[in-house]
N, C-alpha and C. Protein backbone atom coordinates (compact mmCIF):
# COMPACT_ATOMS: atom_id res chain seq x y z
N MET A 1 31.32 72.81 105.98
CA MET A 1 32.57 72.48 105.33
C MET A 1 33.73 72.91 106.22
N ASN A 2 34.77 72.15 106.24
CA ASN A 2 35.91 72.41 107.10
C ASN A 2 36.98 73.17 106.33
N ASN A 3 37.29 74.38 106.77
CA ASN A 3 38.30 75.20 106.10
C ASN A 3 39.72 74.74 106.37
N ASN A 4 39.89 73.86 107.35
CA ASN A 4 41.23 73.37 107.67
C ASN A 4 41.83 72.55 106.53
N ASN A 5 40.97 71.95 105.69
CA ASN A 5 41.48 71.16 104.56
C ASN A 5 42.16 72.04 103.51
N HIS A 6 41.71 73.27 103.38
CA HIS A 6 42.27 74.16 102.37
C HIS A 6 43.57 74.81 102.83
N LYS A 7 43.70 75.02 104.12
CA LYS A 7 44.87 75.70 104.64
C LYS A 7 46.17 74.93 104.35
N PRO A 8 46.26 73.63 104.61
CA PRO A 8 47.50 72.92 104.30
C PRO A 8 47.84 72.95 102.81
N ARG A 9 46.84 72.87 101.95
CA ARG A 9 47.11 72.92 100.51
C ARG A 9 47.67 74.28 100.11
N THR A 10 47.13 75.33 100.70
CA THR A 10 47.62 76.67 100.40
C THR A 10 49.08 76.81 100.82
N HIS A 11 49.40 76.32 102.00
CA HIS A 11 50.78 76.37 102.48
C HIS A 11 51.69 75.52 101.61
N LEU A 12 51.19 74.37 101.17
CA LEU A 12 51.98 73.50 100.30
C LEU A 12 52.28 74.19 98.97
N LYS A 13 51.27 74.84 98.39
CA LYS A 13 51.47 75.55 97.13
C LYS A 13 52.46 76.69 97.31
N LEU A 14 52.32 77.43 98.41
CA LEU A 14 53.23 78.53 98.67
C LEU A 14 54.66 78.02 98.86
N ARG A 15 54.82 76.95 99.61
CA ARG A 15 56.14 76.37 99.83
C ARG A 15 56.76 75.91 98.52
N ASN A 16 55.97 75.24 97.69
CA ASN A 16 56.48 74.76 96.40
C ASN A 16 56.87 75.92 95.49
N THR A 17 56.04 76.96 95.47
CA THR A 17 56.33 78.13 94.65
C THR A 17 57.62 78.80 95.10
N LEU A 18 57.77 78.96 96.41
CA LEU A 18 59.00 79.57 96.94
C LEU A 18 60.22 78.70 96.65
N SER A 19 60.07 77.40 96.75
CA SER A 19 61.19 76.48 96.47
C SER A 19 61.63 76.58 95.02
N VAL A 20 60.66 76.62 94.11
CA VAL A 20 60.99 76.73 92.69
C VAL A 20 61.66 78.07 92.42
N GLY A 21 61.12 79.14 92.99
CA GLY A 21 61.70 80.47 92.80
C GLY A 21 63.13 80.56 93.30
N MET A 22 63.37 80.00 94.48
CA MET A 22 64.72 80.02 95.03
C MET A 22 65.66 79.16 94.20
N GLY A 23 65.17 78.04 93.71
CA GLY A 23 65.99 77.17 92.86
C GLY A 23 66.38 77.86 91.56
N LEU A 24 65.42 78.56 90.95
CA LEU A 24 65.72 79.27 89.71
C LEU A 24 66.71 80.41 89.96
N GLY A 25 66.55 81.08 91.09
CA GLY A 25 67.49 82.15 91.43
C GLY A 25 68.90 81.61 91.62
N LEU A 26 69.02 80.48 92.29
CA LEU A 26 70.32 79.85 92.50
C LEU A 26 70.93 79.41 91.18
N LEU A 27 70.10 78.85 90.30
CA LEU A 27 70.57 78.43 88.99
C LEU A 27 71.11 79.61 88.20
N ALA A 28 70.41 80.74 88.26
CA ALA A 28 70.87 81.94 87.56
C ALA A 28 72.22 82.40 88.10
N CYS A 29 72.41 82.34 89.40
CA CYS A 29 73.69 82.74 90.01
C CYS A 29 74.81 81.81 89.58
N ILE A 30 74.54 80.52 89.59
CA ILE A 30 75.55 79.54 89.19
C ILE A 30 75.92 79.73 87.72
N SER A 31 74.92 79.96 86.86
CA SER A 31 75.18 80.17 85.44
C SER A 31 76.07 81.38 85.22
N THR A 32 75.84 82.44 85.99
CA THR A 32 76.65 83.64 85.86
C THR A 32 78.09 83.36 86.27
N VAL A 33 78.28 82.64 87.35
CA VAL A 33 79.63 82.31 87.82
C VAL A 33 80.35 81.44 86.79
N VAL A 34 79.67 80.45 86.25
CA VAL A 34 80.28 79.57 85.24
C VAL A 34 80.62 80.37 84.00
N ALA A 35 79.71 81.25 83.56
CA ALA A 35 79.97 82.06 82.37
C ALA A 35 81.17 82.97 82.60
N ASP A 36 81.29 83.56 83.81
CA ASP A 36 82.44 84.40 84.11
C ASP A 36 83.74 83.60 84.07
N ASP A 37 83.69 82.36 84.53
CA ASP A 37 84.89 81.51 84.50
C ASP A 37 85.29 81.16 83.07
N LEU A 38 84.32 81.06 82.17
CA LEU A 38 84.61 80.70 80.78
C LEU A 38 84.97 81.91 79.93
N ALA A 39 84.66 83.10 80.41
CA ALA A 39 84.91 84.31 79.62
C ALA A 39 86.41 84.48 79.39
N ARG A 40 86.74 84.89 78.18
CA ARG A 40 88.14 85.11 77.81
C ARG A 40 88.24 86.43 77.07
N ASN A 41 89.42 87.00 77.10
CA ASN A 41 89.67 88.22 76.34
C ASN A 41 90.09 87.84 74.93
N TYR A 42 89.43 88.43 73.97
CA TYR A 42 89.75 88.17 72.57
C TYR A 42 90.22 89.46 71.91
N HIS A 43 91.25 89.33 71.08
CA HIS A 43 91.78 90.44 70.30
C HIS A 43 92.09 89.89 68.91
N ILE A 44 91.05 89.77 68.11
CA ILE A 44 91.18 89.20 66.77
C ILE A 44 90.88 90.31 65.77
N PRO A 45 91.84 90.67 64.93
CA PRO A 45 91.61 91.75 63.97
C PRO A 45 90.64 91.33 62.86
N ALA A 46 90.09 92.32 62.18
CA ALA A 46 89.26 92.05 61.01
C ALA A 46 90.13 91.34 59.97
N GLN A 47 89.57 90.32 59.34
CA GLN A 47 90.33 89.52 58.38
C GLN A 47 89.37 88.63 57.59
N SER A 48 89.92 87.78 56.76
CA SER A 48 89.07 86.84 56.03
C SER A 48 88.39 85.92 57.05
N LEU A 49 87.19 85.48 56.73
CA LEU A 49 86.43 84.68 57.68
C LEU A 49 87.13 83.37 58.03
N ASP A 50 87.77 82.73 57.06
CA ASP A 50 88.46 81.47 57.38
C ASP A 50 89.59 81.71 58.39
N SER A 51 90.36 82.77 58.20
CA SER A 51 91.43 83.08 59.15
C SER A 51 90.87 83.47 60.51
N GLY A 52 89.80 84.24 60.51
CA GLY A 52 89.17 84.66 61.76
C GLY A 52 88.61 83.49 62.55
N LEU A 53 87.98 82.55 61.85
CA LEU A 53 87.43 81.37 62.53
C LEU A 53 88.54 80.48 63.09
N LEU A 54 89.62 80.33 62.32
CA LEU A 54 90.75 79.54 62.81
C LEU A 54 91.37 80.18 64.05
N ARG A 55 91.50 81.49 64.04
CA ARG A 55 92.05 82.21 65.20
C ARG A 55 91.12 82.08 66.40
N LEU A 56 89.81 82.24 66.17
CA LEU A 56 88.84 82.11 67.26
C LEU A 56 88.89 80.71 67.85
N ALA A 57 88.99 79.71 67.00
CA ALA A 57 89.08 78.32 67.47
C ALA A 57 90.34 78.12 68.32
N ALA A 58 91.45 78.66 67.86
CA ALA A 58 92.70 78.51 68.60
C ALA A 58 92.65 79.24 69.94
N ASP A 59 92.10 80.44 69.94
CA ASP A 59 92.05 81.25 71.17
C ASP A 59 91.03 80.72 72.18
N SER A 60 89.94 80.13 71.69
CA SER A 60 88.86 79.70 72.60
C SER A 60 88.97 78.23 73.00
N GLY A 61 89.73 77.45 72.22
CA GLY A 61 89.81 76.02 72.49
C GLY A 61 88.62 75.26 71.94
N LEU A 62 87.82 75.90 71.12
CA LEU A 62 86.65 75.25 70.52
C LEU A 62 87.00 74.69 69.15
N GLU A 63 86.25 73.68 68.74
CA GLU A 63 86.36 73.17 67.38
C GLU A 63 85.30 73.88 66.55
N ILE A 64 85.71 74.54 65.49
CA ILE A 64 84.77 75.21 64.60
C ILE A 64 84.92 74.55 63.24
N LEU A 65 83.87 73.94 62.77
CA LEU A 65 83.92 73.20 61.51
C LEU A 65 83.31 74.03 60.38
N PHE A 66 84.04 74.13 59.28
CA PHE A 66 83.55 74.83 58.10
C PHE A 66 84.37 74.36 56.91
N THR A 67 83.82 74.59 55.73
CA THR A 67 84.57 74.28 54.51
C THR A 67 85.02 75.59 53.88
N ALA A 68 86.05 75.51 53.07
CA ALA A 68 86.56 76.70 52.40
C ALA A 68 85.48 77.33 51.53
N ASP A 69 84.65 76.50 50.90
CA ASP A 69 83.57 77.02 50.05
C ASP A 69 82.55 77.84 50.84
N GLN A 70 82.31 77.48 52.09
CA GLN A 70 81.33 78.19 52.90
C GLN A 70 81.78 79.60 53.26
N VAL A 71 83.07 79.83 53.35
CA VAL A 71 83.57 81.12 53.84
C VAL A 71 84.36 81.91 52.79
N ARG A 72 84.52 81.35 51.62
CA ARG A 72 85.31 82.01 50.57
C ARG A 72 84.74 83.38 50.23
N GLY A 73 85.61 84.38 50.24
CA GLY A 73 85.22 85.73 49.86
C GLY A 73 84.47 86.50 50.95
N ILE A 74 84.38 85.96 52.14
CA ILE A 74 83.66 86.63 53.23
C ILE A 74 84.67 87.15 54.24
N SER A 75 84.47 88.37 54.68
CA SER A 75 85.34 88.97 55.69
C SER A 75 84.66 88.94 57.04
N SER A 76 85.46 88.86 58.08
CA SER A 76 84.92 88.91 59.44
C SER A 76 85.34 90.22 60.09
N PRO A 77 84.47 90.79 60.92
CA PRO A 77 84.84 92.01 61.63
C PRO A 77 85.82 91.68 62.76
N ALA A 78 86.42 92.71 63.31
CA ALA A 78 87.32 92.51 64.45
C ALA A 78 86.51 92.06 65.67
N LEU A 79 87.17 91.32 66.53
CA LEU A 79 86.55 90.85 67.77
C LEU A 79 87.48 91.23 68.91
N HIS A 80 87.02 92.15 69.75
CA HIS A 80 87.83 92.61 70.88
C HIS A 80 86.95 92.66 72.11
N GLY A 81 87.44 92.11 73.21
CA GLY A 81 86.73 92.20 74.47
C GLY A 81 86.65 90.87 75.17
N LYS A 82 86.07 90.92 76.38
CA LYS A 82 85.91 89.72 77.20
C LYS A 82 84.56 89.10 76.87
N MET A 83 84.58 87.86 76.40
CA MET A 83 83.36 87.18 75.97
C MET A 83 83.42 85.70 76.33
N THR A 84 82.24 85.09 76.39
CA THR A 84 82.19 83.64 76.58
C THR A 84 82.11 82.99 75.21
N PRO A 85 82.72 81.82 75.06
CA PRO A 85 82.69 81.15 73.76
C PRO A 85 81.30 80.65 73.41
């Protein structure tokens, strides 16, 4: 049996494994950079949940959909710090 047939396959598997690993590492780095770019400082005091959600939506630029019935009588804690939306 010729062992030369197995050697190229082993190198191919190793190359593919290294390529995938490097790609995943690069993706993780890019995700971190993008998340840092999206991070914002929030200073929202504790309040009723409807007011807190409206403030979070205004500060983050996100659309947050809810009905008054869903949040009636619920309080939200304060939100302070740098976070991603």
